Amino acid sequence: MKSFGEIIRNAREEKNYILRHVGAELDIDQAIISKFERGERKPTKEQVFKFANFFELNKNDLLIAWLSDKVVYDLENEPFAEQALKVAEEKIQYLKSQNNG
């Protein structure tokens, strides 16, 4: 279960790209990309899609990694995180059923 940062770092290294090259291609500062890779900063959804396109990664998989990172970051130190996730999942299912019905 890799984080967004691990996925893009692995993709960059597999293509032998340096941060400067990726930054120039995506119009994102290389220092910020480095922080994304280390998990010290979170990209925007638009940036997630830029990385997916640039590295030819599955957009849905990369988006899921990004979303799960956001959830973990918000809940990692909460004592009731697992229970909150279960309730949130139930709420999502309920809202989906209301929107489809």
N, C-alpha and C. Protein backbone atom coordinates (compact mmCIF):
# COMPACT_ATOMS: atom_id res chain seq x y z
N MET A 1 0.85 -1.17 0.00
CA MET A 1 0.00 0.00 0.00
C MET A 1 0.90 1.24 0.00
N LYS A 2 1.17 1.73 -1.17
CA LYS A 2 2.08 2.86 -1.29
C LYS A 2 1.35 4.19 -1.18
N SER A 3 2.06 5.16 -0.67
CA SER A 3 1.51 6.51 -0.58
C SER A 3 1.64 7.18 -1.95
N PHE A 4 0.93 8.29 -2.11
CA PHE A 4 1.04 9.08 -3.33
C PHE A 4 2.50 9.41 -3.61
N GLY A 5 3.21 9.88 -2.59
CA GLY A 5 4.60 10.27 -2.74
C GLY A 5 5.49 9.13 -3.19
N GLU A 6 5.28 7.96 -2.62
CA GLU A 6 6.08 6.80 -3.01
C GLU A 6 5.81 6.42 -4.46
N ILE A 7 4.56 6.51 -4.86
CA ILE A 7 4.20 6.15 -6.24
C ILE A 7 4.87 7.08 -7.24
N ILE A 8 4.80 8.39 -6.98
CA ILE A 8 5.41 9.31 -7.97
C ILE A 8 6.93 9.25 -7.92
N ARG A 9 7.51 9.04 -6.74
CA ARG A 9 8.97 8.91 -6.67
C ARG A 9 9.42 7.68 -7.45
N ASN A 10 8.72 6.55 -7.25
CA ASN A 10 9.08 5.33 -7.99
C ASN A 10 8.94 5.53 -9.49
N ALA A 11 7.86 6.20 -9.91
CA ALA A 11 7.66 6.45 -11.34
C ALA A 11 8.77 7.33 -11.89
N ARG A 12 9.15 8.35 -11.12
CA ARG A 12 10.22 9.25 -11.57
C ARG A 12 11.54 8.50 -11.68
N GLU A 13 11.85 7.69 -10.68
CA GLU A 13 13.12 6.95 -10.68
C GLU A 13 13.15 5.90 -11.78
N GLU A 14 12.02 5.25 -12.05
CA GLU A 14 11.96 4.25 -13.13
C GLU A 14 12.27 4.87 -14.49
N LYS A 15 11.87 6.13 -14.66
CA LYS A 15 12.13 6.83 -15.92
C LYS A 15 13.45 7.60 -15.90
N ASN A 16 14.16 7.49 -14.78
CA ASN A 16 15.44 8.20 -14.61
C ASN A 16 15.32 9.70 -14.81
N TYR A 17 14.22 10.26 -14.31
CA TYR A 17 14.02 11.71 -14.38
C TYR A 17 14.52 12.35 -13.09
N ILE A 18 15.14 13.50 -13.24
CA ILE A 18 15.51 14.27 -12.06
C ILE A 18 14.34 15.20 -11.71
N LEU A 19 14.31 15.63 -10.47
CA LEU A 19 13.22 16.50 -10.02
C LEU A 19 13.08 17.74 -10.89
N ARG A 20 14.19 18.31 -11.29
CA ARG A 20 14.16 19.52 -12.11
C ARG A 20 13.40 19.30 -13.41
N HIS A 21 13.60 18.14 -14.03
CA HIS A 21 12.92 17.83 -15.29
C HIS A 21 11.41 17.70 -15.07
N VAL A 22 11.02 16.97 -14.04
CA VAL A 22 9.60 16.79 -13.75
C VAL A 22 8.96 18.14 -13.43
N GLY A 23 9.64 18.92 -12.62
CA GLY A 23 9.12 20.24 -12.27
C GLY A 23 8.91 21.13 -13.48
N ALA A 24 9.86 21.11 -14.39
CA ALA A 24 9.75 21.93 -15.60
C ALA A 24 8.59 21.45 -16.48
N GLU A 25 8.43 20.16 -16.61
CA GLU A 25 7.37 19.60 -17.45
C GLU A 25 5.98 19.88 -16.87
N LEU A 26 5.87 19.83 -15.55
CA LEU A 26 4.56 19.99 -14.90
C LEU A 26 4.31 21.40 -14.40
N ASP A 27 5.30 22.26 -14.52
CA ASP A 27 5.22 23.63 -14.02
C ASP A 27 4.94 23.65 -12.52
N ILE A 28 5.70 22.80 -11.81
CA ILE A 28 5.63 22.71 -10.35
C ILE A 28 7.06 22.79 -9.84
N ASP A 29 7.32 23.62 -8.86
CA ASP A 29 8.66 23.78 -8.30
C ASP A 29 9.21 22.42 -7.85
N GLN A 30 10.47 22.16 -8.18
CA GLN A 30 11.07 20.87 -7.84
C GLN A 30 11.12 20.64 -6.34
N ALA A 31 11.27 21.69 -5.54
CA ALA A 31 11.28 21.53 -4.08
C ALA A 31 9.92 21.07 -3.59
N ILE A 32 8.86 21.54 -4.22
CA ILE A 32 7.51 21.11 -3.84
C ILE A 32 7.30 19.65 -4.21
N ILE A 33 7.76 19.26 -5.39
CA ILE A 33 7.65 17.86 -5.80
C ILE A 33 8.40 16.97 -4.81
N SER A 34 9.57 17.40 -4.39
CA SER A 34 10.35 16.65 -3.40
C SER A 34 9.54 16.49 -2.11
N LYS A 35 8.85 17.53 -1.70
CA LYS A 35 8.02 17.45 -0.50
C LYS A 35 6.83 16.51 -0.71
N PHE A 36 6.27 16.50 -1.92
CA PHE A 36 5.20 15.54 -2.23
C PHE A 36 5.73 14.12 -2.06
N GLU A 37 6.90 13.87 -2.62
CA GLU A 37 7.49 12.53 -2.56
C GLU A 37 7.76 12.09 -1.14
N ARG A 38 8.14 13.01 -0.27
CA ARG A 38 8.43 12.69 1.13
C ARG A 38 7.19 12.74 2.02
N GLY A 39 6.05 13.11 1.46
CA GLY A 39 4.82 13.19 2.23
C GLY A 39 4.74 14.40 3.14
N GLU A 40 5.57 15.40 2.88
CA GLU A 40 5.59 16.59 3.72
C GLU A 40 4.61 17.66 3.24
N ARG A 41 4.10 17.45 2.05
CA ARG A 41 3.13 18.39 1.49
C ARG A 41 2.19 17.59 0.60
N LYS A 42 0.95 18.05 0.51
CA LYS A 42 -0.05 17.34 -0.28
C LYS A 42 -0.37 18.14 -1.55
N PRO A 43 -0.40 17.44 -2.69
CA PRO A 43 -0.74 18.13 -3.93
C PRO A 43 -2.24 18.40 -4.02
N THR A 44 -2.61 19.24 -4.97
CA THR A 44 -4.02 19.45 -5.27
C THR A 44 -4.49 18.31 -6.15
N LYS A 45 -5.79 18.20 -6.29
CA LYS A 45 -6.36 17.18 -7.16
C LYS A 45 -5.89 17.39 -8.60
N GLU A 46 -5.84 18.64 -9.02
CA GLU A 46 -5.36 18.96 -10.37
C GLU A 46 -3.92 18.47 -10.57
N GLN A 47 -3.09 18.67 -9.55
CA GLN A 47 -1.70 18.21 -9.65
C GLN A 47 -1.62 16.68 -9.69
N VAL A 48 -2.50 16.01 -8.98
CA VAL A 48 -2.54 14.54 -9.02
C VAL A 48 -2.75 14.08 -10.46
N PHE A 49 -3.69 14.72 -11.15
CA PHE A 49 -3.95 14.33 -12.54
C PHE A 49 -2.79 14.68 -13.46
N LYS A 50 -2.09 15.77 -13.17
CA LYS A 50 -0.89 16.12 -13.96
C LYS A 50 0.16 15.01 -13.83
N PHE A 51 0.38 14.55 -12.60
CA PHE A 51 1.36 13.47 -12.38
C PHE A 51 0.92 12.19 -13.08
N ALA A 52 -0.35 11.86 -12.99
CA ALA A 52 -0.85 10.65 -13.63
C ALA A 52 -0.62 10.71 -15.14
N ASN A 53 -0.93 11.83 -15.74
CA ASN A 53 -0.72 11.98 -17.19
C ASN A 53 0.75 11.93 -17.55
N PHE A 54 1.56 12.66 -16.80
CA PHE A 54 2.98 12.75 -17.12
C PHE A 54 3.68 11.39 -17.00
N PHE A 55 3.38 10.67 -15.94
CA PHE A 55 4.04 9.38 -15.71
C PHE A 55 3.27 8.20 -16.31
N GLU A 56 2.15 8.50 -16.98
CA GLU A 56 1.29 7.47 -17.58
C GLU A 56 0.86 6.44 -16.53
N LEU A 57 0.37 6.98 -15.40
CA LEU A 57 -0.13 6.15 -14.31
C LEU A 57 -1.65 6.10 -14.37
N ASN A 58 -2.22 5.07 -13.81
CA ASN A 58 -3.67 4.96 -13.74
C ASN A 58 -4.21 6.09 -12.87
N LYS A 59 -5.05 6.93 -13.45
CA LYS A 59 -5.57 8.11 -12.73
C LYS A 59 -6.36 7.71 -11.49
N ASN A 60 -7.18 6.68 -11.61
CA ASN A 60 -7.99 6.27 -10.46
C ASN A 60 -7.13 5.76 -9.32
N ASP A 61 -6.13 4.96 -9.65
CA ASP A 61 -5.24 4.42 -8.61
C ASP A 61 -4.48 5.54 -7.91
N LEU A 62 -4.00 6.51 -8.67
CA LEU A 62 -3.25 7.62 -8.08
C LEU A 62 -4.17 8.50 -7.24
N LEU A 63 -5.38 8.70 -7.72
CA LEU A 63 -6.36 9.50 -6.98
C LEU A 63 -6.72 8.80 -5.66
N ILE A 64 -6.89 7.50 -5.70
CA ILE A 64 -7.20 6.74 -4.47
C ILE A 64 -6.06 6.84 -3.48
N ALA A 65 -4.82 6.73 -3.96
CA ALA A 65 -3.66 6.86 -3.06
C ALA A 65 -3.65 8.25 -2.42
N TRP A 66 -3.92 9.28 -3.23
CA TRP A 66 -3.94 10.66 -2.73
C TRP A 66 -5.05 10.86 -1.71
N LEU A 67 -6.24 10.38 -2.02
CA LEU A 67 -7.36 10.52 -1.08
C LEU A 67 -7.10 9.77 0.22
N SER A 68 -6.58 8.57 0.12
CA SER A 68 -6.32 7.79 1.34
C SER A 68 -5.23 8.46 2.18
N ASP A 69 -4.24 9.07 1.53
CA ASP A 69 -3.22 9.82 2.27
C ASP A 69 -3.85 10.96 3.05
N LYS A 70 -4.80 11.66 2.40
CA LYS A 70 -5.47 12.78 3.07
C LYS A 70 -6.23 12.30 4.30
N VAL A 71 -6.92 11.18 4.17
CA VAL A 71 -7.69 10.64 5.30
C VAL A 71 -6.75 10.23 6.42
N VAL A 72 -5.69 9.52 6.08
CA VAL A 72 -4.73 9.07 7.09
C VAL A 72 -4.10 10.27 7.80
N TYR A 73 -3.72 11.28 7.04
CA TYR A 73 -3.10 12.47 7.62
C TYR A 73 -4.04 13.12 8.64
N ASP A 74 -5.32 13.20 8.30
CA ASP A 74 -6.29 13.84 9.19
C ASP A 74 -6.61 12.98 10.42
N LEU A 75 -6.54 11.67 10.29
CA LEU A 75 -7.02 10.79 11.36
C LEU A 75 -5.94 10.01 12.11
N GLU A 76 -4.71 10.08 11.67
CA GLU A 76 -3.69 9.17 12.20
C GLU A 76 -3.51 9.24 13.71
N ASN A 77 -3.72 10.38 14.32
CA ASN A 77 -3.51 10.48 15.77
C ASN A 77 -4.81 10.53 16.57
N GLU A 78 -5.91 10.25 15.90
CA GLU A 78 -7.20 10.27 16.57
C GLU A 78 -7.50 8.91 17.19
N PRO A 79 -7.89 8.88 18.45
CA PRO A 79 -8.14 7.59 19.11
C PRO A 79 -9.33 6.83 18.54
N PHE A 80 -10.27 7.51 17.91
CA PHE A 80 -11.46 6.85 17.38
C PHE A 80 -11.47 6.82 15.85
N ALA A 81 -10.30 6.84 15.26
CA ALA A 81 -10.18 6.92 13.80
C ALA A 81 -10.90 5.77 13.10
N GLU A 82 -10.70 4.55 13.56
CA GLU A 82 -11.30 3.40 12.88
C GLU A 82 -12.82 3.45 12.96
N GLN A 83 -13.35 3.82 14.12
CA GLN A 83 -14.80 3.91 14.25
C GLN A 83 -15.33 5.03 13.36
N ALA A 84 -14.61 6.15 13.31
CA ALA A 84 -15.04 7.28 12.47
C ALA A 84 -15.05 6.88 11.00
N LEU A 85 -14.07 6.10 10.58
CA LEU A 85 -14.03 5.64 9.19
C LEU A 85 -15.22 4.74 8.87
N LYS A 86 -15.57 3.87 9.80
CA LYS A 86 -16.72 2.98 9.59
C LYS A 86 -18.01 3.80 9.46
N VAL A 87 -18.18 4.79 10.32
CA VAL A 87 -19.36 5.64 10.26
C VAL A 87 -19.37 6.43 8.95
N ALA A 88 -18.21 6.94 8.57
CA ALA A 88 -18.12 7.71 7.33
C ALA A 88 -18.49 6.83 6.13
N GLU A 89 -18.04 5.59 6.14
CA GLU A 89 -18.38 4.67 5.05
C GLU A 89 -19.89 4.45 4.98
N GLU A 90 -20.51 4.29 6.12
CA GLU A 90 -21.97 4.13 6.16
C GLU A 90 -22.67 5.38 5.63
N LYS A 91 -22.16 6.54 6.00
CA LYS A 91 -22.75 7.80 5.52
C LYS A 91 -22.62 7.92 4.01
N ILE A 92 -21.47 7.55 3.47
CA ILE A 92 -21.26 7.61 2.03
C ILE A 92 -22.25 6.69 1.32
N GLN A 93 -22.41 5.48 1.84
CA GLN A 93 -23.36 4.53 1.24
C GLN A 93 -24.78 5.09 1.29
N TYR A 94 -25.13 5.69 2.40
CA TYR A 94 -26.46 6.29 2.55
C TYR A 94 -26.67 7.42 1.55
N LEU A 95 -25.69 8.30 1.44
CA LEU A 95 -25.81 9.42 0.51
C LEU A 95 -25.90 8.95 -0.93
N LYS A 96 -25.14 7.92 -1.27
CA LYS A 96 -25.21 7.37 -2.62
C LYS A 96 -26.59 6.81 -2.90
N SER A 97 -27.17 6.12 -1.92
CA SER A 97 -28.50 5.53 -2.12
C SER A 97 -29.55 6.63 -2.26
N GLN A 98 -29.39 7.74 -1.55
CA GLN A 98 -30.33 8.86 -1.66
C GLN A 98 -30.23 9.55 -3.02
N ASN A 99 -29.02 9.64 -3.52
CA ASN A 99 -28.80 10.31 -4.81
C ASN A 99 -29.23 9.45 -5.98
N ASN A 100 -29.22 8.13 -5.81
CA ASN A 100 -29.59 7.22 -6.89
C ASN A 100 -31.06 6.83 -6.83
N GLY A 101 -31.73 7.21 -5.77
CA GLY A 101 -33.12 6.75 -5.58
C GLY A 101 -34.11 7.74 -5.91
